[in-house]
Amino acid sequence: MEQKTLSMFVHLSQTLHFGKTALAFHVSPSTLSRVIQRLEQEVNSDLLHRDNRSVELTDAGKKFKLYAEQQLEQWQFFKNSLDEKKELLTGKLHIYCSVTAAYSHLPPLLERFRSQHPLVEIMLTTGDAADGLEFVQNKSVDFAIAAYPEHIPRSVYFHHLATIPLAVIAPTMQCRVLQLLQIDRQKNKTIPWSEVPIILPEHGTARKRFEYWYRKKQQGKANIYATVSGHEALVSMVALGCGVGIVPQVVVENSPVKDRVQYLADVGEIEPFDLGVCCLNQSKSQPLIKAFFASIS
């Protein structure tokens, strides 16, 4: 049974006038009459009482009117659902961030985005936060969660998320590093930082913060015990008693070994860094990227 036929009948059941309904559907009254006759043959029942002066619905016509209205409503609902699905964004969105950011900052961002765009496939790569900008510039990912660099390239767009404090951490276990720090504190002496083993990130904002912080100590060359890729690895090495290090506090709070490290107080101020989402400026207008930033703004 065609939708147009049902629409004609519903309209006629409301106007009870063949001329008006025929005009609304751009057909002749005789054509409309034949449509109704075929419909009555199909349902095997008279749907209308009609004479030269009036048109009335029969009992069967009243029942059929309800049926036709329900069918047309369901048909419209079905078409709307298809239209909505066509409007939904699809594709893949490739994200880069550190393991810690995947716990601390990414979930609420993705929750908002996925509630609005459920058909988009999320691809996540984790690694050293300091490599995020490089991944974006190489077009290996669509965007990254990373610290704002000292000199941001003109090609990169940065959206601020949070201000992240940094801290100097030391092991809690009894070891040479802890003894050295405790002895000097007990004697009210300045910590001989040039003798204290330091664990450093290979590169990135945290390493730059360390260089500024250590330069103010004016104690000569730092005793670099090791350089590591990723703040999570740095926390683990400090927990093992290998040295001290500068690390974002959020990494410590999300580390499985956080009970094995401690924050050192009164060691000088360390400038926090800005954490944000970055992408290429030329990518901002792409539908998926644009939709993501709209969802987190």
C-alpha atoms as a PDB file:
ATOM      1  CA  MET A   1       0.000   0.000   0.000  1.00  0.00           C
ATOM      2  CA  GLU A   2       1.643   3.216  -1.182  1.00  0.00           C
ATOM      3  CA  GLN A   3       2.342   6.058   1.222  1.00  0.00           C
ATOM      4  CA  LYS A   4       0.793   8.563  -1.184  1.00  0.00           C
ATOM      5  CA  THR A   5      -2.463   6.581  -1.230  1.00  0.00           C
ATOM      6  CA  LEU A   6      -2.578   6.575   2.566  1.00  0.00           C
ATOM      7  CA  SER A   7      -1.819  10.299   2.628  1.00  0.00           C
ATOM      8  CA  MET A   8      -4.655  11.001   0.190  1.00  0.00           C
ATOM      9  CA  PHE A   9      -7.131   8.999   2.281  1.00  0.00           C
ATOM     10  CA  VAL A  10      -6.105  10.691   5.560  1.00  0.00           C
ATOM     11  CA  HIS A  11      -6.407  14.116   3.925  1.00  0.00           C
ATOM     12  CA  LEU A  12      -9.814  13.247   2.470  1.00  0.00           C
ATOM     13  CA  SER A  13     -11.012  11.904   5.839  1.00  0.00           C
ATOM     14  CA  GLN A  14     -10.223  15.338   7.285  1.00  0.00           C
ATOM     15  CA  THR A  15     -11.658  17.531   4.520  1.00  0.00           C
ATOM     16  CA  LEU A  16     -14.515  15.180   3.493  1.00  0.00           C
ATOM     17  CA  HIS A  17     -14.308  16.975   0.164  1.00  0.00           C
ATOM     18  CA  PHE A  18     -12.968  15.324  -3.001  1.00  0.00           C
ATOM     19  CA  GLY A  19     -12.311  18.659  -4.703  1.00  0.00           C
ATOM     20  CA  LYS A  20     -10.145  20.049  -1.896  1.00  0.00           C
ATOM     21  CA  THR A  21      -8.120  16.853  -1.494  1.00  0.00           C
ATOM     22  CA  ALA A  22      -7.651  16.485  -5.238  1.00  0.00           C
ATOM     23  CA  LEU A  23      -6.371  20.071  -5.419  1.00  0.00           C
ATOM     24  CA  ALA A  24      -3.948  19.479  -2.514  1.00  0.00           C
ATOM     25  CA  PHE A  25      -2.420  16.456  -4.267  1.00  0.00           C
ATOM     26  CA  HIS A  26      -2.496  17.965  -7.761  1.00  0.00           C
ATOM     27  CA  VAL A  27      -4.822  15.340  -9.234  1.00  0.00           C
ATOM     28  CA  SER A  28      -8.320  15.467 -10.675  1.00  0.00           C
ATOM     29  CA  PRO A  29     -11.323  14.529  -8.504  1.00  0.00           C
ATOM     30  CA  SER A  30     -11.977  11.562 -10.800  1.00  0.00           C
ATOM     31  CA  THR A  31      -8.395  10.322 -10.282  1.00  0.00           C
ATOM     32  CA  LEU A  32      -8.809  10.664  -6.515  1.00  0.00           C
ATOM     33  CA  SER A  33     -12.089   8.756  -6.722  1.00  0.00           C
ATOM     34  CA  ARG A  34     -10.379   5.864  -8.523  1.00  0.00           C
ATOM     35  CA  VAL A  35      -7.610   5.826  -5.868  1.00  0.00           C
ATOM     36  CA  ILE A  36     -10.217   5.464  -3.121  1.00  0.00           C
ATOM     37  CA  GLN A  37     -12.066   2.762  -5.045  1.00  0.00           C
ATOM     38  CA  ARG A  38      -8.870   0.705  -5.424  1.00  0.00           C
ATOM     39  CA  LEU A  39      -8.175   1.205  -1.728  1.00  0.00           C
ATOM     40  CA  GLU A  40     -11.660  -0.077  -0.827  1.00  0.00           C
ATOM     41  CA  GLN A  41     -11.135  -3.107  -3.049  1.00  0.00           C
ATOM     42  CA  GLU A  42      -7.809  -3.821  -1.336  1.00  0.00           C
ATOM     43  CA  VAL A  43      -9.312  -3.715   2.168  1.00  0.00           C
ATOM     44  CA  ASN A  44     -12.505  -5.368   0.908  1.00  0.00           C
ATOM     45  CA  SER A  45     -14.757  -2.830   2.633  1.00  0.00           C
ATOM     46  CA  ASP A  46     -16.450   0.509   1.968  1.00  0.00           C
ATOM     47  CA  LEU A  47     -14.491   3.300   3.631  1.00  0.00           C
ATOM     48  CA  LEU A  48     -16.726   6.224   2.656  1.00  0.00           C
ATOM     49  CA  HIS A  49     -20.416   6.986   2.295  1.00  0.00           C
ATOM     50  CA  ARG A  50     -20.652   9.467  -0.561  1.00  0.00           C
ATOM     51  CA  ASP A  51     -23.335  11.091  -2.621  1.00  0.00           C
ATOM     52  CA  ASN A  52     -23.599  14.253  -4.655  1.00  0.00           C
ATOM     53  CA  ARG A  53     -23.782  16.424  -1.528  1.00  0.00           C
ATOM     54  CA  SER A  54     -21.670  14.865   1.219  1.00  0.00           C
ATOM     55  CA  VAL A  55     -18.884  12.453   2.162  1.00  0.00           C
ATOM     56  CA  GLU A  56     -18.778  10.542   5.434  1.00  0.00           C
ATOM     57  CA  LEU A  57     -16.504   7.895   6.883  1.00  0.00           C
ATOM     58  CA  THR A  58     -17.949   4.463   7.466  1.00  0.00           C
ATOM     59  CA  ASP A  59     -17.077   2.541  10.631  1.00  0.00           C
ATOM     60  CA  ALA A  60     -14.452   0.700   8.595  1.00  0.00           C
ATOM     61  CA  GLY A  61     -13.257   4.063   7.263  1.00  0.00           C
ATOM     62  CA  LYS A  62     -12.766   5.394  10.787  1.00  0.00           C
ATOM     63  CA  LYS A  63     -10.718   2.340  11.728  1.00  0.00           C
ATOM     64  CA  PHE A  64      -8.712   2.585   8.529  1.00  0.00           C
ATOM     65  CA  LYS A  65      -8.035   6.276   9.183  1.00  0.00           C
ATOM     66  CA  LEU A  66      -6.312   5.367  12.480  1.00  0.00           C
ATOM     67  CA  TYR A  67      -4.324   2.655  10.713  1.00  0.00           C
ATOM     68  CA  ALA A  68      -3.268   5.026   7.908  1.00  0.00           C
ATOM     69  CA  GLU A  69      -2.226   7.749  10.344  1.00  0.00           C
ATOM     70  CA  GLN A  70      -0.104   5.264  12.319  1.00  0.00           C
ATOM     71  CA  GLN A  71       1.550   3.969   9.155  1.00  0.00           C
ATOM     72  CA  LEU A  72       2.371   7.468   7.937  1.00  0.00           C
ATOM     73  CA  GLU A  73       3.762   8.397  11.349  1.00  0.00           C
ATOM     74  CA  GLN A  74       5.971   5.304  11.434  1.00  0.00           C
ATOM     75  CA  TRP A  75       7.150   5.986   7.907  1.00  0.00           C
ATOM     76  CA  GLN A  76       8.101   9.558   8.822  1.00  0.00           C
ATOM     77  CA  PHE A  77       9.871   8.355  11.963  1.00  0.00           C
ATOM     78  CA  PHE A  78      11.835   5.847   9.898  1.00  0.00           C
ATOM     79  CA  LYS A  79      12.895   8.496   7.356  1.00  0.00           C
ATOM     80  CA  ASN A  80      13.930  10.873  10.137  1.00  0.00           C
ATOM     81  CA  SER A  81      16.079   8.183  11.729  1.00  0.00           C
ATOM     82  CA  LEU A  82      17.875   7.649   8.426  1.00  0.00           C
ATOM     83  CA  ASP A  83      18.402  11.368   7.976  1.00  0.00           C
ATOM     84  CA  GLU A  84      19.828  11.682  11.489  1.00  0.00           C
ATOM     85  CA  LYS A  85      22.220   8.817  10.840  1.00  0.00           C
ATOM     86  CA  LYS A  86      23.403  10.468   7.635  1.00  0.00           C
ATOM     87  CA  GLU A  87      24.165  13.667   9.573  1.00  0.00           C
ATOM     88  CA  LEU A  88      26.275  11.863  12.177  1.00  0.00           C
ATOM     89  CA  LEU A  89      30.014  12.177  11.709  1.00  0.00           C
ATOM     90  CA  THR A  90      31.919   9.027  10.831  1.00  0.00           C
ATOM     91  CA  GLY A  91      35.599   8.222  10.401  1.00  0.00           C
ATOM     92  CA  LYS A  92      38.669   7.798  12.582  1.00  0.00           C
ATOM     93  CA  LEU A  93      40.187  10.216  15.065  1.00  0.00           C
ATOM     94  CA  HIS A  94      43.790   9.410  16.011  1.00  0.00           C
ATOM     95  CA  ILE A  95      44.938  10.722  19.400  1.00  0.00           C
ATOM     96  CA  TYR A  96      48.364  10.737  21.062  1.00  0.00           C
ATOM     97  CA  CYS A  97      48.984  11.240  24.781  1.00  0.00           C
ATOM     98  CA  SER A  98      50.950   9.900  27.709  1.00  0.00           C
ATOM     99  CA  VAL A  99      49.727   6.922  29.732  1.00  0.00           C
ATOM    100  CA  THR A 100      48.956   9.281  32.613  1.00  0.00           C
ATOM    101  CA  ALA A 101      46.935  11.659  30.421  1.00  0.00           C
ATOM    102  CA  ALA A 102      44.970   8.662  29.193  1.00  0.00           C
ATOM    103  CA  TYR A 103      43.816   8.235  32.810  1.00  0.00           C
ATOM    104  CA  SER A 104      43.662  11.811  34.044  1.00  0.00           C
ATOM    105  CA  HIS A 105      42.514  14.083  31.212  1.00  0.00           C
ATOM    106  CA  LEU A 106      41.434  12.132  28.140  1.00  0.00           C
ATOM    107  CA  PRO A 107      38.356  10.248  29.506  1.00  0.00           C
ATOM    108  CA  PRO A 108      36.155  13.312  30.175  1.00  0.00           C
ATOM    109  CA  LEU A 109      37.112  14.802  26.803  1.00  0.00           C
ATOM    110  CA  LEU A 110      36.211  11.625  24.922  1.00  0.00           C
ATOM    111  CA  GLU A 111      33.042  11.100  26.938  1.00  0.00           C
ATOM    112  CA  ARG A 112      31.621  14.424  25.756  1.00  0.00           C
ATOM    113  CA  PHE A 113      32.768  13.888  22.177  1.00  0.00           C
ATOM    114  CA  ARG A 114      31.497  10.317  21.862  1.00  0.00           C
ATOM    115  CA  SER A 115      28.090  11.221  23.295  1.00  0.00           C
ATOM    116  CA  GLN A 116      27.690  13.646  20.392  1.00  0.00           C
ATOM    117  CA  HIS A 117      29.445  11.588  17.697  1.00  0.00           C
ATOM    118  CA  PRO A 118      29.073   7.882  18.558  1.00  0.00           C
ATOM    119  CA  LEU A 119      30.004   6.622  15.078  1.00  0.00           C
ATOM    120  CA  VAL A 120      33.523   8.088  15.112  1.00  0.00           C
ATOM    121  CA  GLU A 121      36.232   5.481  15.740  1.00  0.00           C
ATOM    122  CA  ILE A 122      38.835   6.537  18.320  1.00  0.00           C
ATOM    123  CA  MET A 123      42.431   5.406  17.836  1.00  0.00           C
ATOM    124  CA  LEU A 124      44.770   6.018  20.789  1.00  0.00           C
ATOM    125  CA  THR A 125      48.563   5.933  20.868  1.00  0.00           C
ATOM    126  CA  THR A 126      50.385   6.424  24.171  1.00  0.00           C
ATOM    127  CA  GLY A 127      54.002   7.334  24.779  1.00  0.00           C
ATOM    128  CA  ASP A 128      56.272  10.077  26.042  1.00  0.00           C
ATOM    129  CA  ALA A 129      54.274  13.293  26.411  1.00  0.00           C
ATOM    130  CA  ALA A 130      57.273  15.218  25.070  1.00  0.00           C
ATOM    131  CA  ASP A 131      56.824  13.517  21.685  1.00  0.00           C
ATOM    132  CA  GLY A 132      53.238  14.658  21.222  1.00  0.00           C
ATOM    133  CA  LEU A 133      54.047  17.805  19.272  1.00  0.00           C
ATOM    134  CA  GLU A 134      56.315  15.889  16.906  1.00  0.00           C
ATOM    135  CA  PHE A 135      53.584  13.331  16.213  1.00  0.00           C
ATOM    136  CA  VAL A 136      51.214  16.159  15.325  1.00  0.00           C
ATOM    137  CA  GLN A 137      53.714  17.921  13.061  1.00  0.00           C
ATOM    138  CA  ASN A 138      54.518  14.652  11.273  1.00  0.00           C
ATOM    139  CA  LYS A 139      50.779  14.090  10.747  1.00  0.00           C
ATOM    140  CA  SER A 140      51.070  10.728  12.507  1.00  0.00           C
ATOM    141  CA  VAL A 141      48.049  11.691  14.640  1.00  0.00           C
ATOM    142  CA  ASP A 142      45.195  14.165  14.401  1.00  0.00           C
ATOM    143  CA  PHE A 143      45.949  15.790  17.723  1.00  0.00           C
ATOM    144  CA  ALA A 144      47.896  15.229  20.936  1.00  0.00           C
ATOM    145  CA  ILE A 145      47.622  16.085  24.612  1.00  0.00           C
ATOM    146  CA  ALA A 146      50.912  17.798  25.390  1.00  0.00           C
ATOM    147  CA  ALA A 147      52.616  20.552  27.370  1.00  0.00           C
ATOM    148  CA  TYR A 148      52.851  23.996  25.838  1.00  0.00           C
ATOM    149  CA  PRO A 149      56.412  24.240  24.469  1.00  0.00           C
ATOM    150  CA  GLU A 150      58.788  27.179  24.934  1.00  0.00           C
ATOM    151  CA  HIS A 151      58.513  28.006  21.263  1.00  0.00           C
ATOM    152  CA  ILE A 152      55.371  26.769  19.586  1.00  0.00           C
ATOM    153  CA  PRO A 153      55.533  26.463  15.781  1.00  0.00           C
ATOM    154  CA  ARG A 154      53.209  28.697  13.793  1.00  0.00           C
ATOM    155  CA  SER A 155      51.754  25.604  12.163  1.00  0.00           C
ATOM    156  CA  VAL A 156      50.418  24.297  15.508  1.00  0.00           C
ATOM    157  CA  TYR A 157      47.222  25.258  17.316  1.00  0.00           C
ATOM    158  CA  PHE A 158      47.113  24.816  21.113  1.00  0.00           C
ATOM    159  CA  HIS A 159      43.943  24.596  23.244  1.00  0.00           C
ATOM    160  CA  HIS A 160      44.590  24.995  27.000  1.00  0.00           C
ATOM    161  CA  LEU A 161      43.230  22.290  29.319  1.00  0.00           C
ATOM    162  CA  ALA A 162      44.943  22.688  32.698  1.00  0.00           C
ATOM    163  CA  THR A 163      47.915  24.089  34.581  1.00  0.00           C
ATOM    164  CA  ILE A 164      50.111  21.238  35.794  1.00  0.00           C
ATOM    165  CA  PRO A 165      52.401  21.744  38.836  1.00  0.00           C
ATOM    166  CA  LEU A 166      55.789  20.055  38.907  1.00  0.00           C
ATOM    167  CA  ALA A 167      57.663  18.745  41.925  1.00  0.00           C
ATOM    168  CA  VAL A 168      61.003  17.265  42.919  1.00  0.00           C
ATOM    169  CA  ILE A 169      60.546  13.675  44.086  1.00  0.00           C
ATOM    170  CA  ALA A 170      62.853  11.329  45.982  1.00  0.00           C
ATOM    171  CA  PRO A 171      62.603   7.670  47.028  1.00  0.00           C
ATOM    172  CA  THR A 172      61.138   6.681  50.391  1.00  0.00           C
ATOM    173  CA  MET A 173      63.231   3.514  50.685  1.00  0.00           C
ATOM    174  CA  GLN A 174      66.497   3.610  52.595  1.00  0.00           C
ATOM    175  CA  CYS A 175      69.215   4.121  50.003  1.00  0.00           C
ATOM    176  CA  ARG A 176      72.267   6.241  49.298  1.00  0.00           C
ATOM    177  CA  VAL A 177      70.135   8.973  47.696  1.00  0.00           C
ATOM    178  CA  LEU A 178      67.850   9.324  50.691  1.00  0.00           C
ATOM    179  CA  GLN A 179      70.744   9.208  53.173  1.00  0.00           C
ATOM    180  CA  LEU A 180      72.519  11.995  51.331  1.00  0.00           C
ATOM    181  CA  LEU A 181      69.411  14.190  51.416  1.00  0.00           C
ATOM    182  CA  GLN A 182      68.670  13.457  55.097  1.00  0.00           C
ATOM    183  CA  ILE A 183      72.212  14.015  56.367  1.00  0.00           C
ATOM    184  CA  ASP A 184      72.456  17.420  54.768  1.00  0.00           C
ATOM    185  CA  ARG A 185      69.036  18.435  56.038  1.00  0.00           C
ATOM    186  CA  GLN A 186      69.957  17.348  59.576  1.00  0.00           C
ATOM    187  CA  LYS A 187      73.072  19.496  59.499  1.00  0.00           C
ATOM    188  CA  ASN A 188      71.088  22.459  58.127  1.00  0.00           C
ATOM    189  CA  LYS A 189      73.323  22.476  55.117  1.00  0.00           C
ATOM    190  CA  THR A 190      72.433  23.177  51.538  1.00  0.00           C
ATOM    191  CA  ILE A 191      71.904  19.978  49.619  1.00  0.00           C
ATOM    192  CA  PRO A 192      74.957  19.360  47.410  1.00  0.00           C
ATOM    193  CA  TRP A 193      72.901  18.920  44.262  1.00  0.00           C
ATOM    194  CA  SER A 194      75.993  18.307  42.176  1.00  0.00           C
ATOM    195  CA  GLU A 195      76.426  15.019  44.089  1.00  0.00           C
ATOM    196  CA  VAL A 196      72.797  13.906  44.067  1.00  0.00           C
ATOM    197  CA  PRO A 197      71.987  11.489  41.216  1.00  0.00           C
ATOM    198  CA  ILE A 198      69.359  12.991  38.914  1.00  0.00           C
ATOM    199  CA  ILE A 199      66.859  11.162  36.700  1.00  0.00           C
ATOM    200  CA  LEU A 200      65.848  13.289  33.742  1.00  0.00           C
ATOM    201  CA  PRO A 201      63.393  13.029  30.884  1.00  0.00           C
ATOM    202  CA  GLU A 202      65.177  12.814  27.553  1.00  0.00           C
ATOM    203  CA  HIS A 203      63.599  16.039  26.314  1.00  0.00           C
ATOM    204  CA  GLY A 204      60.514  18.186  26.591  1.00  0.00           C
ATOM    205  CA  THR A 205      59.080  20.862  28.854  1.00  0.00           C
ATOM    206  CA  ALA A 206      59.877  19.081  32.137  1.00  0.00           C
ATOM    207  CA  ARG A 207      63.539  18.830  31.157  1.00  0.00           C
ATOM    208  CA  LYS A 208      63.613  22.553  30.336  1.00  0.00           C
ATOM    209  CA  ARG A 209      62.059  23.272  33.741  1.00  0.00           C
ATOM    210  CA  PHE A 210      64.796  21.207  35.387  1.00  0.00           C
ATOM    211  CA  GLU A 211      67.534  23.110  33.556  1.00  0.00           C
ATOM    212  CA  TYR A 212      66.133  26.465  34.727  1.00  0.00           C
ATOM    213  CA  TRP A 213      65.677  25.163  38.263  1.00  0.00           C
ATOM    214  CA  TYR A 214      69.164  23.644  38.517  1.00  0.00           C
ATOM    215  CA  ARG A 215      70.879  26.664  37.000  1.00  0.00           C
ATOM    216  CA  LYS A 216      69.654  28.750  39.961  1.00  0.00           C
ATOM    217  CA  LYS A 217      71.432  26.380  42.359  1.00  0.00           C
ATOM    218  CA  GLN A 218      74.809  27.493  40.986  1.00  0.00           C
ATOM    219  CA  GLN A 219      76.427  24.219  41.998  1.00  0.00           C
ATOM    220  CA  GLY A 220      78.214  23.350  38.801  1.00  0.00           C
ATOM    221  CA  LYS A 221      77.391  20.407  36.603  1.00  0.00           C
ATOM    222  CA  ALA A 222      74.421  18.217  37.516  1.00  0.00           C
ATOM    223  CA  ASN A 223      75.038  14.540  38.321  1.00  0.00           C
ATOM    224  CA  ILE A 224      72.830  12.937  35.657  1.00  0.00           C
ATOM    225  CA  TYR A 225      72.320   9.305  36.571  1.00  0.00           C
ATOM    226  CA  ALA A 226      70.004   8.480  33.665  1.00  0.00           C
ATOM    227  CA  THR A 227      67.667   9.933  31.101  1.00  0.00           C
ATOM    228  CA  VAL A 228      64.369   8.206  30.418  1.00  0.00           C
ATOM    229  CA  SER A 229      61.533   8.376  27.937  1.00  0.00           C
ATOM    230  CA  GLY A 230      58.326   9.320  29.698  1.00  0.00           C
ATOM    231  CA  HIS A 231      57.533  10.682  33.148  1.00  0.00           C
ATOM    232  CA  GLU A 232      56.028   7.376  34.243  1.00  0.00           C
ATOM    233  CA  ALA A 233      59.413   5.667  33.824  1.00  0.00           C
ATOM    234  CA  LEU A 234      61.075   8.509  35.710  1.00  0.00           C
ATOM    235  CA  VAL A 235      58.824   7.968  38.734  1.00  0.00           C
ATOM    236  CA  SER A 236      59.609   4.247  38.687  1.00  0.00           C
ATOM    237  CA  MET A 237      63.371   4.849  38.653  1.00  0.00           C
ATOM    238  CA  VAL A 238      63.090   7.277  41.559  1.00  0.00           C
ATOM    239  CA  ALA A 239      61.022   4.717  43.459  1.00  0.00           C
ATOM    240  CA  LEU A 240      63.835   2.195  42.947  1.00  0.00           C
ATOM    241  CA  GLY A 241      66.282   4.541  44.684  1.00  0.00           C
ATOM    242  CA  CYS A 242      68.230   5.516  41.555  1.00  0.00           C
ATOM    243  CA  GLY A 243      67.999   9.245  42.158  1.00  0.00           C
ATOM    244  CA  VAL A 244      65.670  12.229  42.349  1.00  0.00           C
ATOM    245  CA  GLY A 245      63.763  13.865  39.545  1.00  0.00           C
ATOM    246  CA  ILE A 246      61.394  16.614  38.490  1.00  0.00           C
ATOM    247  CA  VAL A 247      58.029  15.334  37.378  1.00  0.00           C
ATOM    248  CA  PRO A 248      54.429  16.547  36.982  1.00  0.00           C
ATOM    249  CA  GLN A 249      52.485  15.879  40.166  1.00  0.00           C
ATOM    250  CA  VAL A 250      49.609  14.344  38.199  1.00  0.00           C
ATOM    251  CA  VAL A 251      51.992  11.598  37.025  1.00  0.00           C
ATOM    252  CA  VAL A 252      52.949  10.791  40.618  1.00  0.00           C
ATOM    253  CA  GLU A 253      49.320  10.698  41.761  1.00  0.00           C
ATOM    254  CA  ASN A 254      48.420   8.224  39.007  1.00  0.00           C
ATOM    255  CA  SER A 255      51.534   6.064  39.392  1.00  0.00           C
ATOM    256  CA  PRO A 256      51.287   2.516  40.812  1.00  0.00           C
ATOM    257  CA  VAL A 257      54.474   3.253  42.810  1.00  0.00           C
ATOM    258  CA  LYS A 258      53.355   6.588  44.249  1.00  0.00           C
ATOM    259  CA  ASP A 259      53.691   5.230  47.821  1.00  0.00           C
ATOM    260  CA  ARG A 260      57.391   4.648  47.196  1.00  0.00           C
ATOM    261  CA  VAL A 261      58.256   8.246  46.373  1.00  0.00           C
ATOM    262  CA  GLN A 262      57.991  11.497  48.299  1.00  0.00           C
ATOM    263  CA  TYR A 263      57.871  15.179  47.434  1.00  0.00           C
ATOM    264  CA  LEU A 264      60.871  17.246  48.515  1.00  0.00           C
ATOM    265  CA  ALA A 265      59.949  20.528  50.175  1.00  0.00           C
ATOM    266  CA  ASP A 266      61.904  23.782  50.233  1.00  0.00           C
ATOM    267  CA  VAL A 267      63.986  22.989  47.179  1.00  0.00           C
ATOM    268  CA  GLY A 268      63.054  26.059  45.168  1.00  0.00           C
ATOM    269  CA  GLU A 269      60.112  26.977  42.992  1.00  0.00           C
ATOM    270  CA  ILE A 270      59.497  25.178  39.729  1.00  0.00           C
ATOM    271  CA  GLU A 271      57.336  26.830  37.111  1.00  0.00           C
ATOM    272  CA  PRO A 272      54.271  24.731  36.225  1.00  0.00           C
ATOM    273  CA  PHE A 273      53.412  24.047  32.622  1.00  0.00           C
ATOM    274  CA  ASP A 274      50.237  24.391  30.589  1.00  0.00           C
ATOM    275  CA  LEU A 275      48.676  21.161  29.374  1.00  0.00           C
ATOM    276  CA  GLY A 276      46.502  21.256  26.310  1.00  0.00           C
ATOM    277  CA  VAL A 277      45.317  19.691  23.093  1.00  0.00           C
ATOM    278  CA  CYS A 278      47.313  20.573  19.994  1.00  0.00           C
ATOM    279  CA  CYS A 279      46.774  20.000  16.291  1.00  0.00           C
ATOM    280  CA  LEU A 280      47.920  21.494  13.019  1.00  0.00           C
ATOM    281  CA  ASN A 281      46.305  24.830  12.205  1.00  0.00           C
ATOM    282  CA  GLN A 282      45.505  23.556   8.746  1.00  0.00           C
ATOM    283  CA  SER A 283      43.527  20.669  10.280  1.00  0.00           C
ATOM    284  CA  LYS A 284      41.251  22.783  12.481  1.00  0.00           C
ATOM    285  CA  SER A 285      38.615  23.103   9.772  1.00  0.00           C
ATOM    286  CA  GLN A 286      38.366  19.341   9.182  1.00  0.00           C
ATOM    287  CA  PRO A 287      34.942  18.073  10.366  1.00  0.00           C
ATOM    288  CA  LEU A 288      36.240  15.600  12.971  1.00  0.00           C
ATOM    289  CA  ILE A 289      38.832  17.969  14.432  1.00  0.00           C
ATOM    290  CA  LYS A 290      36.381  20.860  14.447  1.00  0.00           C
ATOM    291  CA  ALA A 291      33.745  18.706  16.159  1.00  0.00           C
ATOM    292  CA  PHE A 292      36.214  17.560  18.816  1.00  0.00           C
ATOM    293  CA  PHE A 293      37.261  21.066  19.793  1.00  0.00           C
ATOM    294  CA  ALA A 294      33.605  22.159  19.785  1.00  0.00           C
ATOM    295  CA  SER A 295      32.799  19.378  22.254  1.00  0.00           C
ATOM    296  CA  ILE A 296      35.530  20.403  24.728  1.00  0.00           C
ATOM    297  CA  SER A 297      35.097  24.178  24.520  1.00  0.00           C
END
